[in-house]
Amino acid sequence: MREAFPQAQITTKVDEKRQGIVDSWPAEVDDTAARRDWGFAPRYDLTRAFCEYLIPTIRQRYAR
């Protein structure tokens, strides 16, 4: 986010209920079986999701 928005002032406020849900998730998800068995091929990885979805959405929302 800082690369895309170097002037942004980013603050956070933890929602304890939601954080508890996130904390219960595994650190990594192994999708090897899905790729092998079902031919699963994700269209987005983290970089592509940021570059093609999240950052343009934020730019549009906060356009001056």
Protein backbone atom coordinates (compact mmCIF):
# COMPACT_ATOMS: atom_id res chain seq x y z
CA MET A 1 0.00 0.00 0.00
CA ARG A 2 2.81 2.41 0.82
CA GLU A 3 4.30 1.90 -2.66
CA ALA A 4 1.02 2.77 -4.35
CA PHE A 5 0.05 5.54 -1.93
CA PRO A 6 3.25 6.99 -0.42
CA GLN A 7 1.46 10.03 1.02
CA ALA A 8 -1.29 8.01 2.69
CA GLN A 9 -1.77 8.13 6.42
CA ILE A 10 -2.79 4.60 7.32
CA THR A 11 -4.34 3.81 10.67
CA THR A 12 -5.97 0.67 11.93
CA LYS A 13 -8.50 -0.24 14.57
CA VAL A 14 -8.76 -3.92 15.39
CA ASP A 15 -12.23 -5.43 15.54
CA GLU A 16 -11.65 -8.11 18.17
CA LYS A 17 -14.44 -10.39 16.92
CA ARG A 18 -13.20 -10.36 13.33
CA GLN A 19 -9.58 -10.63 14.44
CA GLY A 20 -10.48 -13.78 16.35
CA ILE A 21 -11.87 -15.29 13.16
CA VAL A 22 -8.75 -14.38 11.19
CA ASP A 23 -6.50 -15.75 13.94
CA SER A 24 -8.27 -19.11 13.65
CA TRP A 25 -7.30 -19.49 9.98
CA PRO A 26 -4.22 -21.50 9.03
CA ALA A 27 -1.10 -19.50 8.16
CA GLU A 28 -0.92 -21.18 4.76
CA VAL A 29 -3.33 -23.04 2.52
CA ASP A 30 -1.99 -25.87 0.41
CA ASP A 31 -4.03 -26.06 -2.77
CA THR A 32 -1.90 -28.79 -4.38
CA ALA A 33 -4.69 -31.40 -4.26
CA ALA A 34 -7.24 -28.99 -5.76
CA ARG A 35 -4.85 -28.12 -8.57
CA ARG A 36 -4.15 -31.79 -9.24
CA ASP A 37 -7.64 -33.26 -8.74
CA TRP A 38 -9.87 -30.49 -10.08
CA GLY A 39 -7.53 -28.55 -12.32
CA PHE A 40 -7.87 -25.57 -9.99
CA ALA A 41 -5.99 -22.60 -11.42
CA PRO A 42 -6.47 -19.37 -9.46
CA ARG A 43 -6.75 -16.26 -11.61
CA TYR A 44 -5.26 -13.99 -8.97
CA ASP A 45 -2.25 -14.18 -6.72
CA LEU A 46 -1.55 -11.58 -4.04
CA THR A 47 0.36 -9.25 -6.36
CA ARG A 48 -2.22 -9.36 -9.14
CA ALA A 49 -5.09 -8.88 -6.68
CA PHE A 50 -3.44 -5.75 -5.31
CA CYS A 51 -2.43 -4.32 -8.68
CA GLU A 52 -5.60 -5.08 -10.63
CA TYR A 53 -8.31 -4.91 -7.99
CA LEU A 54 -7.49 -3.37 -4.64
CA ILE A 55 -5.34 -0.41 -5.67
CA PRO A 56 -7.61 0.74 -8.55
CA THR A 57 -10.62 0.44 -6.23
CA ILE A 58 -8.95 2.57 -3.57
CA ARG A 59 -7.88 5.14 -6.16
CA GLN A 60 -11.43 5.40 -7.44
CA ARG A 61 -12.91 5.67 -3.95
CA TYR A 62 -10.56 8.43 -2.84
CA ALA A 63 -10.11 10.28 -6.14
CA ARG A 64 -10.07 14.02 -5.63
